[in-house]
């Protein structure tokens, strides 16, 4: 059984037992998480597709880690104009372990 879930502006194809890294969600390590923006669920034979979401489907899991990603450097330069800018960014993310996928 797998599901397609939308969170943080991105879509993820997940199954029971998967560990996924998503945009930061509120909560502490070990807290339960419910993802209710389920777009599609399939269990091999049957497939349920939302328009745009399945209102009765829920994916439950727990928070495994709250961390920051690798640093991304943003460098801007205009030649011969003495213009240089260097900025860094580290994105916050949450690692989730999927425990269950339920359909209404």
PDB file of N, CA and C in Angstrom:
ATOM      1  N   UNK A   1       0.845  -1.176   0.000  1.00  0.00           N
ATOM      2  CA  UNK A   1       0.000   0.000   0.000  1.00  0.00           C
ATOM      3  C   UNK A   1       0.887   1.235   0.000  1.00  0.00           C
ATOM      4  N   UNK A   2       0.550   2.204  -0.824  1.00  0.00           N
ATOM      5  CA  UNK A   2       1.282   3.459  -0.833  1.00  0.00           C
ATOM      6  C   UNK A   2       0.308   4.618  -1.002  1.00  0.00           C
ATOM      7  N   UNK A   3       0.813   5.821  -0.686  1.00  0.00           N
ATOM      8  CA  UNK A   3      -0.003   7.021  -0.793  1.00  0.00           C
ATOM      9  C   UNK A   3       0.850   8.153  -1.336  1.00  0.00           C
ATOM     10  N   UNK A   4       0.185   9.127  -1.942  1.00  0.00           N
ATOM     11  CA  UNK A   4       0.846  10.356  -2.360  1.00  0.00           C
ATOM     12  C   UNK A   4       0.309  11.456  -1.453  1.00  0.00           C
ATOM     13  N   UNK A   5       1.234  12.112  -0.740  1.00  0.00           N
ATOM     14  CA  UNK A   5       0.880  13.097   0.276  1.00  0.00           C
ATOM     15  C   UNK A   5       1.495  14.432  -0.098  1.00  0.00           C
ATOM     16  N   UNK A   6       0.775  15.519   0.178  1.00  0.00           N
ATOM     17  CA  UNK A   6       1.290  16.862  -0.067  1.00  0.00           C
ATOM     18  C   UNK A   6       1.564  17.534   1.271  1.00  0.00           C
ATOM     19  N   UNK A   7       2.809  18.019   1.446  1.00  0.00           N
ATOM     20  CA  UNK A   7       3.164  18.773   2.633  1.00  0.00           C
ATOM     21  C   UNK A   7       4.321  19.700   2.299  1.00  0.00           C
ATOM     22  N   UNK A   8       4.261  20.912   2.784  1.00  0.00           N
ATOM     23  CA  UNK A   8       5.321  21.872   2.535  1.00  0.00           C
ATOM     24  C   UNK A   8       5.441  22.284   1.081  1.00  0.00           C
ATOM     25  N   UNK A   9       4.342  22.198   0.319  1.00  0.00           N
ATOM     26  CA  UNK A   9       4.374  22.571  -1.089  1.00  0.00           C
ATOM     27  C   UNK A   9       4.958  21.517  -2.009  1.00  0.00           C
ATOM     28  N   UNK A  10       5.250  20.335  -1.479  1.00  0.00           N
ATOM     29  CA  UNK A  10       5.825  19.256  -2.274  1.00  0.00           C
ATOM     30  C   UNK A  10       4.979  17.996  -2.112  1.00  0.00           C
ATOM     31  N   UNK A  11       5.108  17.078  -3.049  1.00  0.00           N
ATOM     32  CA  UNK A  11       4.376  15.820  -2.991  1.00  0.00           C
ATOM     33  C   UNK A  11       5.356  14.668  -2.787  1.00  0.00           C
ATOM     34  N   UNK A  12       4.953  13.707  -1.955  1.00  0.00           N
ATOM     35  CA  UNK A  12       5.803  12.567  -1.613  1.00  0.00           C
ATOM     36  C   UNK A  12       5.021  11.281  -1.797  1.00  0.00           C
ATOM     37  N   UNK A  13       5.648  10.278  -2.425  1.00  0.00           N
ATOM     38  CA  UNK A  13       5.066   8.945  -2.525  1.00  0.00           C
ATOM     39  C   UNK A  13       5.631   8.137  -1.365  1.00  0.00           C
ATOM     40  N   UNK A  14       4.749   7.681  -0.468  1.00  0.00           N
ATOM     41  CA  UNK A  14       5.200   7.011   0.748  1.00  0.00           C
ATOM     42  C   UNK A  14       4.470   5.688   0.953  1.00  0.00           C
ATOM     43  N   UNK A  15       5.123   4.810   1.689  1.00  0.00           N
ATOM     44  CA  UNK A  15       4.545   3.532   2.096  1.00  0.00           C
ATOM     45  C   UNK A  15       4.712   3.401   3.600  1.00  0.00           C
ATOM     46  N   UNK A  16       4.068   2.400   4.175  1.00  0.00           N
ATOM     47  CA  UNK A  16       4.195   2.151   5.610  1.00  0.00           C
ATOM     48  C   UNK A  16       5.646   1.766   5.919  1.00  0.00           C
ATOM     49  N   UNK A  17       6.214   2.405   6.946  1.00  0.00           N
ATOM     50  CA  UNK A  17       7.582   2.124   7.340  1.00  0.00           C
ATOM     51  C   UNK A  17       8.625   3.029   6.708  1.00  0.00           C
ATOM     52  N   UNK A  18       8.233   3.859   5.733  1.00  0.00           N
ATOM     53  CA  UNK A  18       9.180   4.770   5.091  1.00  0.00           C
ATOM     54  C   UNK A  18       9.608   5.876   6.040  1.00  0.00           C
ATOM     55  N   UNK A  19      10.815   6.356   5.844  1.00  0.00           N
ATOM     56  CA  UNK A  19      11.320   7.519   6.577  1.00  0.00           C
ATOM     57  C   UNK A  19      11.557   8.608   5.543  1.00  0.00           C
ATOM     58  N   UNK A  20      10.829   9.732   5.681  1.00  0.00           N
ATOM     59  CA  UNK A  20      10.927  10.807   4.698  1.00  0.00           C
ATOM     60  C   UNK A  20      11.360  12.101   5.373  1.00  0.00           C
ATOM     61  N   UNK A  21      11.973  12.973   4.579  1.00  0.00           N
ATOM     62  CA  UNK A  21      12.437  14.277   5.059  1.00  0.00           C
ATOM     63  C   UNK A  21      11.581  15.343   4.391  1.00  0.00           C
ATOM     64  N   UNK A  22      10.832  16.101   5.192  1.00  0.00           N
ATOM     65  CA  UNK A  22       9.901  17.105   4.675  1.00  0.00           C
ATOM     66  C   UNK A  22      10.263  18.473   5.234  1.00  0.00           C
ATOM     67  N   UNK A  23       9.616  19.504   4.700  1.00  0.00           N
ATOM     68  CA  UNK A  23       9.789  20.849   5.239  1.00  0.00           C
ATOM     69  C   UNK A  23       9.380  20.845   6.711  1.00  0.00           C
ATOM     70  N   UNK A  24       9.910  21.775   7.477  1.00  0.00           N
ATOM     71  CA  UNK A  24       9.743  21.786   8.930  1.00  0.00           C
ATOM     72  C   UNK A  24       8.279  21.752   9.356  1.00  0.00           C
ATOM     73  N   UNK A  25       7.988  20.822  10.270  1.00  0.00           N
ATOM     74  CA  UNK A  25       6.682  20.719  10.920  1.00  0.00           C
ATOM     75  C   UNK A  25       6.890  20.959  12.411  1.00  0.00           C
ATOM     76  N   UNK A  26       5.896  21.538  13.069  1.00  0.00           N
ATOM     77  CA  UNK A  26       5.994  21.803  14.500  1.00  0.00           C
ATOM     78  C   UNK A  26       5.889  20.501  15.275  1.00  0.00           C
ATOM     79  N   UNK A  27       6.658  20.396  16.339  1.00  0.00           N
ATOM     80  CA  UNK A  27       6.607  19.226  17.203  1.00  0.00           C
ATOM     81  C   UNK A  27       7.995  18.828  17.662  1.00  0.00           C
ATOM     82  N   UNK A  28       8.012  17.941  18.648  1.00  0.00           N
ATOM     83  CA  UNK A  28       9.265  17.448  19.206  1.00  0.00           C
ATOM     84  C   UNK A  28       9.501  16.016  18.729  1.00  0.00           C
ATOM     85  N   UNK A  29      10.710  15.533  18.950  1.00  0.00           N
ATOM     86  CA  UNK A  29      11.049  14.162  18.569  1.00  0.00           C
ATOM     87  C   UNK A  29      10.156  13.192  19.333  1.00  0.00           C
ATOM     88  N   UNK A  30       9.534  12.264  18.614  1.00  0.00           N
ATOM     89  CA  UNK A  30       8.634  11.285  19.211  1.00  0.00           C
ATOM     90  C   UNK A  30       7.170  11.680  19.149  1.00  0.00           C
ATOM     91  N   UNK A  31       6.873  12.943  18.831  1.00  0.00           N
ATOM     92  CA  UNK A  31       5.477  13.387  18.732  1.00  0.00           C
ATOM     93  C   UNK A  31       4.798  12.757  17.518  1.00  0.00           C
ATOM     94  N   UNK A  32       3.500  12.431  17.637  1.00  0.00           N
ATOM     95  CA  UNK A  32       2.768  11.896  16.477  1.00  0.00           C
ATOM     96  C   UNK A  32       2.448  13.004  15.472  1.00  0.00           C
ATOM     97  N   UNK A  33       2.363  12.624  14.205  1.00  0.00           N
ATOM     98  CA  UNK A  33       2.065  13.562  13.126  1.00  0.00           C
ATOM     99  C   UNK A  33       0.967  12.967  12.268  1.00  0.00           C
ATOM    100  N   UNK A  34      -0.009  13.797  11.889  1.00  0.00           N
ATOM    101  CA  UNK A  34      -1.051  13.378  10.956  1.00  0.00           C
ATOM    102  C   UNK A  34      -0.947  14.227   9.706  1.00  0.00           C
ATOM    103  N   UNK A  35      -0.798  13.567   8.558  1.00  0.00           N
ATOM    104  CA  UNK A  35      -0.786  14.249   7.271  1.00  0.00           C
ATOM    105  C   UNK A  35      -2.129  13.990   6.608  1.00  0.00           C
ATOM    106  N   UNK A  36      -2.958  15.033   6.500  1.00  0.00           N
ATOM    107  CA  UNK A  36      -4.308  14.846   5.985  1.00  0.00           C
ATOM    108  C   UNK A  36      -4.471  15.278   4.532  1.00  0.00           C
ATOM    109  N   UNK A  37      -3.444  15.892   3.935  1.00  0.00           N
ATOM    110  CA  UNK A  37      -3.509  16.259   2.518  1.00  0.00           C
ATOM    111  C   UNK A  37      -3.066  15.073   1.661  1.00  0.00           C
ATOM    112  N   UNK A  38      -3.911  14.033   1.630  1.00  0.00           N
ATOM    113  CA  UNK A  38      -3.612  12.815   0.870  1.00  0.00           C
ATOM    114  C   UNK A  38      -4.242  12.962  -0.506  1.00  0.00           C
ATOM    115  N   UNK A  39      -3.422  12.859  -1.547  1.00  0.00           N
ATOM    116  CA  UNK A  39      -3.897  13.043  -2.907  1.00  0.00           C
ATOM    117  C   UNK A  39      -4.321  11.733  -3.567  1.00  0.00           C
ATOM    118  N   UNK A  40      -3.655  10.624  -3.189  1.00  0.00           N
ATOM    119  CA  UNK A  40      -3.966   9.335  -3.792  1.00  0.00           C
ATOM    120  C   UNK A  40      -3.541   8.212  -2.860  1.00  0.00           C
ATOM    121  N   UNK A  41      -4.309   7.118  -2.857  1.00  0.00           N
ATOM    122  CA  UNK A  41      -3.957   5.927  -2.090  1.00  0.00           C
ATOM    123  C   UNK A  41      -4.173   4.722  -2.991  1.00  0.00           C
ATOM    124  N   UNK A  42      -3.220   3.778  -2.959  1.00  0.00           N
ATOM    125  CA  UNK A  42      -3.336   2.553  -3.733  1.00  0.00           C
ATOM    126  C   UNK A  42      -2.890   1.385  -2.874  1.00  0.00           C
ATOM    127  N   UNK A  43      -3.660   0.289  -2.916  1.00  0.00           N
ATOM    128  CA  UNK A  43      -3.272  -0.906  -2.160  1.00  0.00           C
ATOM    129  C   UNK A  43      -3.081  -2.102  -3.085  1.00  0.00           C
ATOM    130  N   UNK A  44      -2.635  -1.845  -4.285  1.00  0.00           N
ATOM    131  CA  UNK A  44      -2.390  -2.928  -5.238  1.00  0.00           C
ATOM    132  C   UNK A  44      -3.556  -3.107  -6.186  1.00  0.00           C
ATOM    133  N   UNK A  45      -4.710  -3.454  -5.652  1.00  0.00           N
ATOM    134  CA  UNK A  45      -5.884  -3.675  -6.483  1.00  0.00           C
ATOM    135  C   UNK A  45      -6.754  -2.441  -6.624  1.00  0.00           C
ATOM    136  N   UNK A  46      -7.033  -1.792  -5.506  1.00  0.00           N
ATOM    137  CA  UNK A  46      -7.892  -0.610  -5.511  1.00  0.00           C
ATOM    138  C   UNK A  46      -7.045   0.653  -5.456  1.00  0.00           C
ATOM    139  N   UNK A  47      -7.537   1.683  -6.140  1.00  0.00           N
ATOM    140  CA  UNK A  47      -6.868   2.986  -6.137  1.00  0.00           C
ATOM    141  C   UNK A  47      -7.911   4.056  -5.901  1.00  0.00           C
ATOM    142  N   UNK A  48      -7.631   4.948  -4.965  1.00  0.00           N
ATOM    143  CA  UNK A  48      -8.510   6.074  -4.670  1.00  0.00           C
ATOM    144  C   UNK A  48      -7.762   7.356  -5.029  1.00  0.00           C
ATOM    145  N   UNK A  49      -8.382   8.166  -5.861  1.00  0.00           N
ATOM    146  CA  UNK A  49      -7.767   9.416  -6.295  1.00  0.00           C
ATOM    147  C   UNK A  49      -8.648  10.565  -5.825  1.00  0.00           C
ATOM    148  N   UNK A  50      -8.028  11.552  -5.192  1.00  0.00           N
ATOM    149  CA  UNK A  50      -8.764  12.699  -4.669  1.00  0.00           C
ATOM    150  C   UNK A  50      -8.986  13.760  -5.720  1.00  0.00           C
ATOM    151  N   UNK A  51      -9.937  14.622  -5.447  1.00  0.00           N
ATOM    152  CA  UNK A  51     -10.271  15.722  -6.354  1.00  0.00           C
ATOM    153  C   UNK A  51     -10.368  17.020  -5.582  1.00  0.00           C
ATOM    154  N   UNK A  52      -9.348  17.664  -5.105  1.00  0.00           N
ATOM    155  CA  UNK A  52      -7.934  17.328  -5.234  1.00  0.00           C
ATOM    156  C   UNK A  52      -7.410  16.447  -4.105  1.00  0.00           C
ATOM    157  N   UNK A  53      -8.179  16.278  -2.993  1.00  0.00           N
ATOM    158  CA  UNK A  53      -7.687  15.490  -1.861  1.00  0.00           C
ATOM    159  C   UNK A  53      -8.732  14.450  -1.471  1.00  0.00           C
ATOM    160  N   UNK A  54      -8.247  13.408  -0.803  1.00  0.00           N
ATOM    161  CA  UNK A  54      -9.158  12.416  -0.221  1.00  0.00           C
ATOM    162  C   UNK A  54      -9.469  12.872   1.195  1.00  0.00           C
ATOM    163  N   UNK A  55     -10.722  13.196   1.454  1.00  0.00           N
ATOM    164  CA  UNK A  55     -11.089  13.755   2.759  1.00  0.00           C
ATOM    165  C   UNK A  55     -11.050  12.707   3.872  1.00  0.00           C
ATOM    166  N   UNK A  56     -11.267  11.438   3.551  1.00  0.00           N
ATOM    167  CA  UNK A  56     -11.308  10.412   4.589  1.00  0.00           C
ATOM    168  C   UNK A  56      -9.973   9.708   4.805  1.00  0.00           C
ATOM    169  N   UNK A  57      -8.964   9.984   4.000  1.00  0.00           N
ATOM    170  CA  UNK A  57      -7.664   9.316   4.127  1.00  0.00           C
ATOM    171  C   UNK A  57      -6.723  10.124   5.019  1.00  0.00           C
ATOM    172  N   UNK A  58      -5.960   9.403   5.856  1.00  0.00           N
ATOM    173  CA  UNK A  58      -5.003  10.036   6.770  1.00  0.00           C
ATOM    174  C   UNK A  58      -3.740   9.177   6.829  1.00  0.00           C
ATOM    175  N   UNK A  59      -2.602   9.849   6.819  1.00  0.00           N
ATOM    176  CA  UNK A  59      -1.324   9.177   7.009  1.00  0.00           C
ATOM    177  C   UNK A  59      -0.799   9.592   8.373  1.00  0.00           C
ATOM    178  N   UNK A  60      -0.490   8.603   9.220  1.00  0.00           N
ATOM    179  CA  UNK A  60       0.026   8.901  10.554  1.00  0.00           C
ATOM    180  C   UNK A  60       1.476   8.454  10.656  1.00  0.00           C
ATOM    181  N   UNK A  61       2.215   9.175  11.482  1.00  0.00           N
ATOM    182  CA  UNK A  61       3.615   8.851  11.679  1.00  0.00           C
ATOM    183  C   UNK A  61       4.135   9.519  12.930  1.00  0.00           C
ATOM    184  N   UNK A  62       5.445   9.481  13.101  1.00  0.00           N
ATOM    185  CA  UNK A  62       6.041  10.142  14.254  1.00  0.00           C
ATOM    186  C   UNK A  62       7.310  10.858  13.822  1.00  0.00           C
ATOM    187  N   UNK A  63       7.632  11.920  14.543  1.00  0.00           N
ATOM    188  CA  UNK A  63       8.805  12.730  14.238  1.00  0.00           C
ATOM    189  C   UNK A  63      10.046  12.005  14.749  1.00  0.00           C
ATOM    190  N   UNK A  64      11.009  11.815  13.850  1.00  0.00           N
ATOM    191  CA  UNK A  64      12.252  11.141  14.186  1.00  0.00           C
ATOM    192  C   UNK A  64      13.360  12.157  14.457  1.00  0.00           C
ATOM    193  N   UNK A  65      13.351  13.266  13.686  1.00  0.00           N
ATOM    194  CA  UNK A  65      14.431  14.231  13.807  1.00  0.00           C
ATOM    195  C   UNK A  65      13.957  15.615  13.370  1.00  0.00           C
ATOM    196  N   UNK A  66      14.463  16.648  14.056  1.00  0.00           N
ATOM    197  CA  UNK A  66      14.300  18.041  13.648  1.00  0.00           C
ATOM    198  C   UNK A  66      15.708  18.562  13.396  1.00  0.00           C
ATOM    199  N   UNK A  67      16.014  19.010  12.181  1.00  0.00           N
ATOM    200  CA  UNK A  67      17.388  19.401  11.875  1.00  0.00           C
ATOM    201  C   UNK A  67      17.413  20.461  10.785  1.00  0.00           C
ATOM    202  N   UNK A  68      18.627  20.888  10.452  1.00  0.00           N
ATOM    203  CA  UNK A  68      18.855  21.819   9.358  1.00  0.00           C
ATOM    204  C   UNK A  68      19.613  21.103   8.249  1.00  0.00           C
ATOM    205  N   UNK A  69      19.348  21.499   7.019  1.00  0.00           N
ATOM    206  CA  UNK A  69      20.030  20.920   5.881  1.00  0.00           C
ATOM    207  C   UNK A  69      21.420  21.515   5.698  1.00  0.00           C
ATOM    208  N   UNK A  70      22.082  21.093   4.645  1.00  0.00           N
ATOM    209  CA  UNK A  70      23.417  21.612   4.323  1.00  0.00           C
ATOM    210  C   UNK A  70      23.311  23.070   3.890  1.00  0.00           C
ATOM    211  N   UNK A  71      24.386  23.813   4.093  1.00  0.00           N
ATOM    212  CA  UNK A  71      24.379  25.229   3.735  1.00  0.00           C
ATOM    213  C   UNK A  71      24.437  25.394   2.222  1.00  0.00           C
ATOM    214  N   UNK A  72      23.587  26.281   1.715  1.00  0.00           N
ATOM    215  CA  UNK A  72      23.584  26.660   0.318  1.00  0.00           C
ATOM    216  C   UNK A  72      24.124  28.079   0.223  1.00  0.00           C
ATOM    217  N   UNK A  73      25.102  28.299  -0.635  1.00  0.00           N
ATOM    218  CA  UNK A  73      25.677  29.628  -0.810  1.00  0.00           C
ATOM    219  C   UNK A  73      25.066  30.305  -2.022  1.00  0.00           C
ATOM    220  N   UNK A  74      24.701  31.590  -1.849  1.00  0.00           N
ATOM    221  CA  UNK A  74      24.156  32.402  -2.926  1.00  0.00           C
ATOM    222  C   UNK A  74      25.178  33.500  -3.190  1.00  0.00           C
ATOM    223  N   UNK A  75      25.775  33.509  -4.380  1.00  0.00           N
ATOM    224  CA  UNK A  75      26.810  34.481  -4.707  1.00  0.00           C
ATOM    225  C   UNK A  75      26.363  35.288  -5.915  1.00  0.00           C
ATOM    226  N   UNK A  76      26.342  36.612  -5.764  1.00  0.00           N
ATOM    227  CA  UNK A  76      25.993  37.512  -6.860  1.00  0.00           C
ATOM    228  C   UNK A  76      27.202  38.383  -7.164  1.00  0.00           C
ATOM    229  N   UNK A  77      27.427  38.628  -8.446  1.00  0.00           N
ATOM    230  CA  UNK A  77      28.563  39.463  -8.830  1.00  0.00           C
ATOM    231  C   UNK A  77      28.277  40.138 -10.159  1.00  0.00           C
ATOM    232  N   UNK A  78      28.690  41.402 -10.249  1.00  0.00           N
ATOM    233  CA  UNK A  78      28.644  42.113 -11.528  1.00  0.00           C
ATOM    234  C   UNK A  78      30.067  42.527 -11.863  1.00  0.00           C
ATOM    235  N   UNK A  79      30.543  42.053 -12.948  1.00  0.00           N
ATOM    236  CA  UNK A  79      31.941  42.290 -13.278  1.00  0.00           C
ATOM    237  C   UNK A  79      32.218  43.765 -13.539  1.00  0.00           C
ATOM    238  N   UNK A  80      33.393  44.168 -13.139  1.00  0.00           N
ATOM    239  CA  UNK A  80      33.908  45.532 -13.309  1.00  0.00           C
ATOM    240  C   UNK A  80      33.090  46.590 -12.583  1.00  0.00           C
ATOM    241  N   UNK A  81      32.206  46.237 -11.686  1.00  0.00           N
ATOM    242  CA  UNK A  81      31.378  47.207 -10.968  1.00  0.00           C
ATOM    243  C   UNK A  81      31.622  47.167  -9.454  1.00  0.00           C
ATOM    244  N   UNK A  82      32.564  46.346  -9.022  1.00  0.00           N
ATOM    245  CA  UNK A  82      32.879  46.194  -7.596  1.00  0.00           C
ATOM    246  C   UNK A  82      31.633  45.796  -6.793  1.00  0.00           C
ATOM    247  N   UNK A  83      30.823  44.929  -7.356  1.00  0.00           N
ATOM    248  CA  UNK A  83      29.598  44.461  -6.699  1.00  0.00           C
ATOM    249  C   UNK A  83      29.709  42.962  -6.463  1.00  0.00           C
ATOM    250  N   UNK A  84      29.749  42.569  -5.206  1.00  0.00           N
ATOM    251  CA  UNK A  84      29.779  41.158  -4.825  1.00  0.00           C
ATOM    252  C   UNK A  84      28.946  40.975  -3.572  1.00  0.00           C
ATOM    253  N   UNK A  85      28.102  39.956  -3.577  1.00  0.00           N
ATOM    254  CA  UNK A  85      27.288  39.644  -2.406  1.00  0.00           C
ATOM    255  C   UNK A  85      27.354  38.132  -2.175  1.00  0.00           C
ATOM    256  N   UNK A  86      27.590  37.740  -0.942  1.00  0.00           N
ATOM    257  CA  UNK A  86      27.639  36.330  -0.580  1.00  0.00           C
ATOM    258  C   UNK A  86      26.702  36.112   0.596  1.00  0.00           C
ATOM    259  N   UNK A  87      25.724  35.252   0.403  1.00  0.00           N
ATOM    260  CA  UNK A  87      24.772  34.924   1.463  1.00  0.00           C
ATOM    261  C   UNK A  87      24.696  33.421   1.602  1.00  0.00           C
ATOM    262  N   UNK A  88      24.370  32.965   2.783  1.00  0.00           N
ATOM    263  CA  UNK A  88      24.187  31.545   3.029  1.00  0.00           C
ATOM    264  C   UNK A  88      22.783  31.265   3.521  1.00  0.00           C
ATOM    265  N   UNK A  89      22.328  30.029   3.323  1.00  0.00           N
ATOM    266  CA  UNK A  89      20.995  29.628   3.778  1.00  0.00           C
ATOM    267  C   UNK A  89      21.026  28.168   4.201  1.00  0.00           C
ATOM    268  N   UNK A  90      20.397  27.871   5.337  1.00  0.00           N
ATOM    269  CA  UNK A  90      20.229  26.493   5.790  1.00  0.00           C
ATOM    270  C   UNK A  90      18.749  26.263   6.039  1.00  0.00           C
ATOM    271  N   UNK A  91      18.160  25.336   5.303  1.00  0.00           N
ATOM    272  CA  UNK A  91      16.733  25.054   5.402  1.00  0.00           C
ATOM    273  C   UNK A  91      16.453  24.115   6.567  1.00  0.00           C
ATOM    274  N   UNK A  92      15.427  24.431   7.343  1.00  0.00           N
ATOM    275  CA  UNK A  92      14.980  23.542   8.413  1.00  0.00           C
ATOM    276  C   UNK A  92      14.145  22.414   7.817  1.00  0.00           C
ATOM    277  N   UNK A  93      14.298  21.209   8.348  1.00  0.00           N
ATOM    278  CA  UNK A  93      13.484  20.091   7.889  1.00  0.00           C
ATOM    279  C   UNK A  93      13.149  19.153   9.050  1.00  0.00           C
ATOM    280  N   UNK A  94      12.158  18.322   8.818  1.00  0.00           N
ATOM    281  CA  UNK A  94      11.697  17.343   9.792  1.00  0.00           C
ATOM    282  C   UNK A  94      11.747  15.968   9.142  1.00  0.00           C
ATOM    283  N   UNK A  95      12.281  14.987   9.864  1.00  0.00           N
ATOM    284  CA  UNK A  95      12.286  13.614   9.382  1.00  0.00           C
ATOM    285  C   UNK A  95      11.148  12.866  10.054  1.00  0.00           C
ATOM    286  N   UNK A  96      10.332  12.196   9.248  1.00  0.00           N
ATOM    287  CA  UNK A  96       9.130  11.508   9.735  1.00  0.00           C
ATOM    288  C   UNK A  96       9.213  10.032   9.373  1.00  0.00           C
ATOM    289  N   UNK A  97       8.808   9.175  10.321  1.00  0.00           N
ATOM    290  CA  UNK A  97       8.659   7.748  10.038  1.00  0.00           C
ATOM    291  C   UNK A  97       7.173   7.469   9.908  1.00  0.00           C
ATOM    292  N   UNK A  98       6.770   6.904   8.769  1.00  0.00           N
ATOM    293  CA  UNK A  98       5.351   6.643   8.483  1.00  0.00           C
ATOM    294  C   UNK A  98       4.945   5.359   9.185  1.00  0.00           C
ATOM    295  N   UNK A  99       3.905   5.461  10.026  1.00  0.00           N
ATOM    296  CA  UNK A  99       3.426   4.293  10.779  1.00  0.00           C
ATOM    297  C   UNK A  99       2.227   3.619  10.121  1.00  0.00           C
ATOM    298  N   UNK A 100       1.306   4.427   9.549  1.00  0.00           N
ATOM    299  CA  UNK A 100       0.071   3.831   9.037  1.00  0.00           C
ATOM    300  C   UNK A 100      -0.547   4.718   7.968  1.00  0.00           C
ATOM    301  N   UNK A 101      -1.234   4.076   7.009  1.00  0.00           N
ATOM    302  CA  UNK A 101      -2.018   4.758   5.993  1.00  0.00           C
ATOM    303  C   UNK A 101      -3.429   4.209   6.101  1.00  0.00           C
ATOM    304  N   UNK A 102      -4.408   5.094   6.379  1.00  0.00           N
ATOM    305  CA  UNK A 102      -5.795   4.649   6.522  1.00  0.00           C
ATOM    306  C   UNK A 102      -6.690   5.368   5.519  1.00  0.00           C
ATOM    307  N   UNK A 103      -7.638   4.623   4.971  1.00  0.00           N
ATOM    308  CA  UNK A 103      -8.636   5.183   4.064  1.00  0.00           C
ATOM    309  C   UNK A 103     -10.002   4.946   4.682  1.00  0.00           C
ATOM    310  N   UNK A 104     -10.675   6.065   5.007  1.00  0.00           N
ATOM    311  CA  UNK A 104     -12.012   6.127   5.576  1.00  0.00           C
ATOM    312  C   UNK A 104     -12.575   4.865   6.006  1.00  0.00           C
TER     313      UNK A 104
END
